[in-house]
Amino acid sequence: MHPSEVLFQGQRQPLLLPACDHYAGSEKLMRKSMALQEELGPVFDITFDCEDGAGAGNERTHAELVASLLKEEGNRFRRIGVRVHDVASPHFEQDVEIIVGSAAWELAYVVIPKPNGLEDVLRARETINRVAGKAGRPFPPLHTLIETHGALHEVFRIAALPQVECLSFGIMDFVSAHYGAVPAAAMRTPGQFTHPLVVRAKLEMVAACHAYDKVASHNVTTDIRDSAVVANDATRAAGEFGFTRMWSIHPDQIKPIVKAFTPRMSEVNEATNILLEAMAAGWGPIAQHGRLHDRASYRYYWTVLQRAKLAGLALPDAAAALVNQPEST
C-alpha cells in the first residue's frame, strides 16, 4: 500500500500548498511574477490583487486584465489565484463575474478579503460558486483573510468549510481595527510576535487551520529591502507559531520565504531512514537510535518529505522513490 493510505486511514490528509503566496497588483508586477514562476517552477503561488491593485475608477479594466493574464501561456502551472474586492464592495460581484466567469479553470483559488464573520464568507462563496458553476467549474478553492474581530471570533467555523483551503492573517487591518489600542509597532517584528492580542489572534487562526487540515498563511513583512528580516519572520512564523505558508509583497521576498519553510536536508534524511525502516517493519513500531517511532511519528516524517518535494528540494534517491511512488487505485 502507498504510505499515505497506511498512515491516514480514515483521516483527512493534511492539505499542502506552496509555502509562499506572492501578491502582485500592477500589470508590470503581475507579468514579472509570472516570469519568475516560470523560471523557478511552482514553488510559490501568485495572487493577482484586485482589492489593492485596482485604481479608483479602474476596477473593471483591472479585472479584465487579470482575467486575460490568467488565460495566457505564462500561467502554465495553474498556480495563480486572485484576491477580489470584499463582499460589501460594489466591485465584488463585478470582479467575480469577469474573472471567475471567464477564467474559472485557470484560477488556483479565490481570496476573500475582510469578511466580518462566517456569514460574509458564505455570501461570497454563494456568488463565486454560482458564477463558476456557469463556467463549468463548481466549487473553486477559497482562501479567506482573517483580519477583522468578527472573522477571528468565528475562525473555527470558517476553517471548517470544506471549500476553504487556506486562512491568511491580515495583520495591518487587524491592528488598525483596534483604533490605537494596539500600537503600530505590532504590525512588524518584534512586536508582531510578542504583543498579546496579535499573538492570540495568530494562534487562534493557526489552531483552527490545523484542526481542519487547512493551510495557515502568515502576514506580510513590510520591510522589502532587508531579506534577513523576511527570513527571520518566516522562520519564526513556521517554527514558533505553526504557519505553513507566508505572503510575499516583493519578488526579493520569495526565495527567503520558501527557504525558511523548506525542511533541511538533515530532516529529509532522518525522515527517509525512519520511513524506510517502518516500511520494512510493516508500519509497526520501530526503535531507531534509542527512540521509539510509530504511526504518529511516521505521519510527521511523511509530511516532511511532502513539504520538501513541494518546495522543489532535490531529494535523495531513496526519498524521491518514497514520495513519487504511485498511489493504488
Protein backbone atom coordinates (compact mmCIF):
# COMPACT_ATOMS: atom_id res chain seq x y z
CA MET A 1 0.00 0.00 0.00
CA HIS A 2 1.03 3.61 -0.57
CA PRO A 3 2.38 5.23 2.64
CA SER A 4 -0.42 7.83 2.67
CA GLU A 5 -3.03 5.05 2.55
CA VAL A 6 -1.45 3.32 5.53
CA LEU A 7 -0.76 6.41 7.61
CA PHE A 8 -4.03 8.28 7.11
CA GLN A 9 -6.60 5.53 7.17
CA GLY A 10 -9.97 7.12 7.89
CA GLN A 11 -8.37 10.53 8.38
CA ARG A 12 -8.09 13.65 6.26
CA GLN A 13 -4.62 14.10 4.86
CA PRO A 14 -3.12 17.49 5.64
CA LEU A 15 -3.51 19.95 2.79
CA LEU A 16 -0.21 21.24 1.44
CA LEU A 17 0.24 24.35 -0.69
CA PRO A 18 3.40 26.13 -1.88
CA ALA A 19 4.97 27.89 1.08
CA CYS A 20 4.98 31.37 -0.45
CA ASP A 21 1.97 33.36 -1.66
CA HIS A 22 3.25 36.28 -3.72
CA TYR A 23 0.90 39.24 -4.20
CA ALA A 24 1.09 41.41 -7.33
CA GLY A 25 -1.23 44.27 -8.28
CA SER A 26 0.00 46.17 -11.34
CA GLU A 27 0.35 44.68 -14.82
CA LYS A 28 4.12 45.14 -14.68
CA LEU A 29 4.43 43.27 -11.39
CA MET A 30 1.95 40.56 -12.39
CA ARG A 31 3.89 39.80 -15.56
CA LYS A 32 7.20 39.90 -13.67
CA SER A 33 5.80 37.42 -11.14
CA MET A 34 4.63 35.08 -13.89
CA ALA A 35 8.07 35.16 -15.49
CA LEU A 36 9.70 34.36 -12.14
CA GLN A 37 7.31 31.46 -11.56
CA GLU A 38 8.20 30.06 -14.97
CA GLU A 39 11.89 30.34 -14.02
CA LEU A 40 11.68 28.83 -10.52
CA GLY A 41 8.78 26.48 -11.07
CA PRO A 42 5.59 26.19 -8.99
CA VAL A 43 7.43 26.51 -5.67
CA PHE A 44 5.39 29.65 -4.93
CA ASP A 45 1.87 30.81 -5.73
CA ILE A 46 0.93 34.17 -7.21
CA THR A 47 -2.12 36.14 -6.14
CA PHE A 48 -3.29 38.82 -8.56
CA ASP A 49 -4.70 41.61 -6.42
CA CYS A 50 -7.91 43.40 -7.34
CA GLU A 51 -8.60 44.83 -3.88
CA ASP A 52 -5.45 46.98 -3.61
CA GLY A 53 -4.21 46.63 -7.18
CA ALA A 54 -7.05 48.38 -8.99
CA GLY A 55 -7.02 52.16 -9.06
CA ALA A 56 -10.20 54.03 -8.16
CA GLY A 57 -12.48 54.07 -11.19
CA ASN A 58 -10.36 51.46 -12.94
CA GLU A 59 -11.83 48.37 -11.26
CA ARG A 60 -13.47 46.86 -14.35
CA THR A 61 -10.41 47.33 -16.56
CA HIS A 62 -8.20 45.81 -13.88
CA ALA A 63 -10.45 42.76 -13.51
CA GLU A 64 -10.42 42.28 -17.28
CA LEU A 65 -6.61 42.47 -17.25
CA VAL A 66 -6.43 39.82 -14.51
CA ALA A 67 -8.76 37.52 -16.44
CA SER A 68 -6.69 37.89 -19.62
CA LEU A 69 -3.39 37.22 -17.83
CA LEU A 70 -4.79 34.07 -16.24
CA LYS A 71 -5.52 32.70 -19.70
CA GLU A 72 -2.03 33.39 -21.06
CA GLU A 73 0.58 30.66 -21.59
CA GLY A 74 2.59 32.11 -18.71
CA ASN A 75 0.06 30.54 -16.33
CA ARG A 76 1.12 27.04 -17.33
CA PHE A 77 1.38 25.75 -13.75
CA ARG A 78 -2.17 26.92 -12.87
CA ARG A 79 -0.86 28.25 -9.54
CA ILE A 80 -2.21 31.79 -9.77
CA GLY A 81 -5.14 32.95 -7.66
CA VAL A 82 -6.94 36.27 -7.33
CA ARG A 83 -7.94 38.49 -4.43
CA VAL A 84 -11.25 40.08 -5.29
CA HIS A 85 -12.82 43.08 -3.55
CA ASP A 86 -14.58 42.36 -0.27
CA VAL A 87 -18.15 41.12 -0.34
CA ALA A 88 -19.54 44.50 0.82
CA SER A 89 -17.83 46.35 -2.03
CA PRO A 90 -19.83 47.34 -5.11
CA HIS A 91 -16.97 45.86 -7.15
CA PHE A 92 -17.11 42.37 -5.63
CA GLU A 93 -19.67 40.85 -7.97
CA GLN A 94 -18.08 42.55 -10.97
CA ASP A 95 -14.71 41.01 -10.10
CA VAL A 96 -16.26 37.58 -9.78
CA GLU A 97 -18.32 37.84 -12.97
CA ILE A 98 -15.34 38.98 -15.04
CA ILE A 99 -12.54 36.85 -13.59
CA VAL A 100 -14.25 33.68 -12.39
CA GLY A 101 -16.75 33.85 -15.23
CA SER A 102 -14.10 33.84 -17.94
CA ALA A 103 -11.11 32.14 -16.29
CA ALA A 104 -12.61 29.68 -13.80
CA TRP A 105 -10.46 26.77 -14.93
CA GLU A 106 -7.27 28.82 -14.92
CA LEU A 107 -7.71 30.01 -11.31
CA ALA A 108 -5.89 28.24 -8.50
CA TYR A 109 -8.12 29.87 -5.85
CA VAL A 110 -10.15 32.96 -4.97
CA VAL A 111 -9.15 35.08 -1.95
CA ILE A 112 -11.99 36.62 0.09
CA PRO A 113 -10.80 39.72 1.99
CA LYS A 114 -12.24 41.42 5.06
CA PRO A 115 -15.12 39.10 5.96
CA ASN A 116 -16.77 40.19 9.20
CA GLY A 117 -17.61 36.60 10.00
CA LEU A 118 -18.92 33.33 8.64
CA GLU A 119 -21.96 34.94 7.02
CA ASP A 120 -19.80 37.11 4.76
CA VAL A 121 -17.75 34.09 3.69
CA LEU A 122 -20.94 32.20 2.87
CA ARG A 123 -22.29 35.14 0.85
CA ALA A 124 -19.06 35.38 -1.11
CA ARG A 125 -18.98 31.62 -1.63
CA GLU A 126 -22.52 31.60 -3.00
CA THR A 127 -21.68 34.22 -5.65
CA ILE A 128 -18.37 32.60 -6.59
CA ASN A 129 -19.94 29.15 -6.89
CA ARG A 130 -22.84 30.44 -8.97
CA VAL A 131 -20.52 32.11 -11.47
CA ALA A 132 -18.00 29.25 -11.50
CA GLY A 133 -20.80 26.74 -11.99
CA LYS A 134 -21.95 28.56 -15.12
CA ALA A 135 -18.38 28.28 -16.39
CA GLY A 136 -18.38 24.54 -15.72
CA ARG A 137 -16.13 24.53 -12.68
CA PRO A 138 -18.10 24.19 -9.45
CA PHE A 139 -16.56 24.90 -6.05
CA PRO A 140 -13.19 26.56 -6.78
CA PRO A 141 -10.87 26.63 -3.73
CA LEU A 142 -11.35 29.61 -1.43
CA HIS A 143 -8.78 31.41 0.69
CA THR A 144 -10.09 33.66 3.43
CA LEU A 145 -8.39 36.58 5.12
CA ILE A 146 -8.73 36.77 8.88
CA GLU A 147 -8.33 40.47 9.63
CA THR A 148 -11.48 41.55 11.50
CA HIS A 149 -12.76 40.88 15.00
CA GLY A 150 -15.79 39.06 13.62
CA ALA A 151 -13.77 36.72 11.42
CA LEU A 152 -11.43 35.90 14.29
CA HIS A 153 -14.43 35.21 16.56
CA GLU A 154 -15.75 32.65 14.05
CA VAL A 155 -12.44 31.40 12.72
CA PHE A 156 -13.09 27.74 13.57
CA ARG A 157 -16.42 27.81 11.74
CA ILE A 158 -14.77 29.41 8.71
CA ALA A 159 -11.94 26.87 8.70
CA ALA A 160 -14.49 24.05 8.86
CA LEU A 161 -15.96 24.95 5.46
CA PRO A 162 -14.80 22.22 3.03
CA GLN A 163 -14.26 24.66 0.17
CA VAL A 164 -11.90 26.85 2.21
CA GLU A 165 -8.35 25.54 1.88
CA CYS A 166 -6.34 28.39 3.39
CA LEU A 167 -6.72 31.14 6.01
CA SER A 168 -4.40 34.16 5.85
CA PHE A 169 -3.74 36.58 8.69
CA GLY A 170 -4.11 40.25 7.71
CA ILE A 171 -2.06 41.94 10.38
CA MET A 172 -2.33 45.56 9.27
CA ASP A 173 -6.13 45.60 9.11
CA PHE A 174 -6.34 43.61 12.34
CA VAL A 175 -4.10 46.03 14.25
CA SER A 176 -5.87 49.05 12.71
CA ALA A 177 -9.21 47.65 13.85
CA HIS A 178 -8.13 48.35 17.43
CA TYR A 179 -8.02 52.11 16.72
CA GLY A 180 -4.79 52.77 18.55
CA ALA A 181 -5.26 50.34 21.43
CA VAL A 182 -2.66 48.13 19.74
CA PRO A 183 0.42 50.16 18.68
CA ALA A 184 1.65 50.33 15.10
CA ALA A 185 4.81 48.54 16.25
CA ALA A 186 2.71 45.36 16.48
CA MET A 187 2.46 45.31 12.67
CA ARG A 188 6.14 44.40 12.38
CA THR A 189 8.88 42.47 14.15
CA PRO A 190 9.41 42.08 17.04
CA GLY A 191 6.01 43.39 18.15
CA GLN A 192 4.02 41.12 15.84
CA PHE A 193 5.45 38.11 17.65
CA THR A 194 5.15 39.48 21.19
CA HIS A 195 2.05 41.68 21.53
CA PRO A 196 -0.51 39.53 23.39
CA LEU A 197 -3.53 40.45 21.24
CA VAL A 198 -1.69 39.80 17.99
CA VAL A 199 -0.13 36.59 19.28
CA ARG A 200 -3.51 35.38 20.47
CA ALA A 201 -5.09 36.14 17.06
CA LYS A 202 -2.37 34.32 15.15
CA LEU A 203 -2.53 31.28 17.41
CA GLU A 204 -6.33 31.11 17.18
CA MET A 205 -6.20 31.17 13.40
CA VAL A 206 -3.41 28.60 13.17
CA ALA A 207 -5.17 26.29 15.62
CA ALA A 208 -8.36 26.49 13.54
CA CYS A 209 -6.42 25.63 10.39
CA HIS A 210 -4.73 22.61 11.89
CA ALA A 211 -7.99 21.41 13.45
CA TYR A 212 -9.49 21.13 9.97
CA ASP A 213 -6.33 20.29 7.99
CA LYS A 214 -6.18 23.66 6.26
CA VAL A 215 -3.18 25.85 5.40
CA ALA A 216 -2.29 28.75 7.70
CA SER A 217 -0.67 31.66 5.86
CA HIS A 218 1.35 34.30 7.73
CA ASN A 219 1.04 38.01 7.03
CA VAL A 220 3.41 40.19 5.03
CA THR A 221 6.76 41.56 6.07
CA THR A 222 6.58 45.24 5.15
CA ASP A 223 10.37 45.64 5.04
CA ILE A 224 11.02 44.87 1.37
CA ARG A 225 14.73 45.75 1.31
CA ASP A 226 16.20 43.52 4.00
CA SER A 227 15.94 39.83 3.14
CA ALA A 228 17.27 38.91 6.60
CA VAL A 229 14.14 40.43 8.19
CA VAL A 230 11.92 38.42 5.84
CA ALA A 231 13.84 35.22 6.58
CA ASN A 232 13.62 35.84 10.33
CA ASP A 233 9.88 36.50 10.16
CA ALA A 234 9.28 33.36 8.09
CA THR A 235 11.42 31.22 10.40
CA ARG A 236 9.57 32.44 13.49
CA ALA A 237 6.16 32.09 11.82
CA ALA A 238 6.92 28.47 10.95
CA GLY A 239 8.90 27.37 13.98
CA GLU A 240 7.11 29.21 16.81
CA PHE A 241 3.55 29.68 15.51
CA GLY A 242 2.89 26.70 13.23
CA PHE A 243 2.27 28.60 9.99
CA THR A 244 2.94 26.62 6.80
CA ARG A 245 2.75 29.47 4.29
CA MET A 246 3.53 33.20 4.12
CA TRP A 247 2.73 36.22 1.96
CA SER A 248 5.29 37.99 -0.19
CA ILE A 249 4.87 41.53 -1.50
CA HIS A 250 8.17 41.85 -3.35
CA PRO A 251 9.98 39.37 -5.64
CA ASP A 252 13.06 39.53 -3.40
CA GLN A 253 11.00 38.08 -0.53
CA ILE A 254 10.05 34.87 -2.34
CA LYS A 255 13.28 32.88 -2.04
CA PRO A 256 13.86 33.65 1.69
CA ILE A 257 10.29 32.60 2.49
CA VAL A 258 10.48 29.38 0.51
CA LYS A 259 13.83 28.52 2.09
CA ALA A 260 12.56 29.17 5.63
CA PHE A 261 9.60 26.83 5.17
CA THR A 262 11.57 24.09 3.39
CA PRO A 263 12.76 21.17 5.55
CA ARG A 264 16.51 20.96 5.94
CA MET A 265 18.32 18.10 4.24
CA SER A 266 19.16 16.60 7.63
CA GLU A 267 15.42 16.40 8.35
CA VAL A 268 14.80 14.84 4.93
CA ASN A 269 17.47 12.20 5.54
CA GLU A 270 16.13 11.43 9.01
CA ALA A 271 12.58 11.14 7.66
CA THR A 272 13.73 8.86 4.84
CA ASN A 273 15.61 6.50 7.15
CA ILE A 274 12.72 6.25 9.61
CA LEU A 275 10.10 5.65 6.92
CA LEU A 276 12.17 3.03 5.10
CA GLU A 277 12.66 1.13 8.33
CA ALA A 278 8.97 1.49 9.14
CA MET A 279 8.01 0.06 5.74
CA ALA A 280 10.33 -2.88 6.31
CA ALA A 281 8.57 -3.47 9.65
CA GLY A 282 5.13 -3.39 8.02
CA TRP A 283 4.50 0.05 9.54
CA GLY A 284 4.67 -1.34 13.05
CA PRO A 285 6.62 0.39 15.85
CA ILE A 286 10.39 0.64 15.49
CA ALA A 287 13.28 1.85 17.62
CA GLN A 288 15.91 4.00 15.94
CA HIS A 289 18.86 5.48 17.80
CA GLY A 290 17.17 4.59 21.07
CA ARG A 291 13.90 6.37 20.23
CA LEU A 292 10.50 4.79 19.65
CA HIS A 293 8.60 5.59 16.46
CA ASP A 294 5.12 4.53 15.43
CA ARG A 295 2.44 5.70 13.01
CA ALA A 296 2.04 9.03 14.78
CA SER A 297 5.65 9.98 14.12
CA TYR A 298 5.53 8.35 10.68
CA ARG A 299 2.80 10.77 9.68
CA TYR A 300 5.02 13.66 10.75
CA TYR A 301 8.02 12.43 8.77
CA TRP A 302 5.89 11.65 5.72
CA THR A 303 4.75 15.29 5.76
CA VAL A 304 8.38 16.41 5.94
CA LEU A 305 9.08 14.63 2.66
CA GLN A 306 5.92 16.01 1.05
CA ARG A 307 6.87 19.57 2.01
CA ALA A 308 10.39 19.09 0.68
CA LYS A 309 9.05 17.82 -2.64
CA LEU A 310 6.59 20.73 -2.90
CA ALA A 311 9.42 23.21 -2.33
CA GLY A 312 11.39 21.75 -5.22
CA LEU A 313 14.17 20.39 -3.00
CA ALA A 314 16.46 17.92 -4.76
CA LEU A 315 15.65 14.77 -2.83
CA PRO A 316 17.99 11.81 -2.32
CA ASP A 317 17.06 8.81 -4.47
CA ALA A 318 15.53 6.88 -1.58
CA ALA A 319 13.36 9.83 -0.53
CA ALA A 320 12.31 10.53 -4.13
CA ALA A 321 11.32 6.90 -4.54
CA LEU A 322 9.10 7.16 -1.46
CA VAL A 323 7.22 10.31 -2.39
CA ASN A 324 6.93 9.62 -6.11
CA GLN A 325 5.52 6.12 -5.94
CA PRO A 326 2.01 5.96 -7.43
CA GLU A 327 -0.96 5.51 -5.17
CA SER A 328 -3.04 2.38 -5.65
CA THR A 329 -6.37 2.85 -7.44
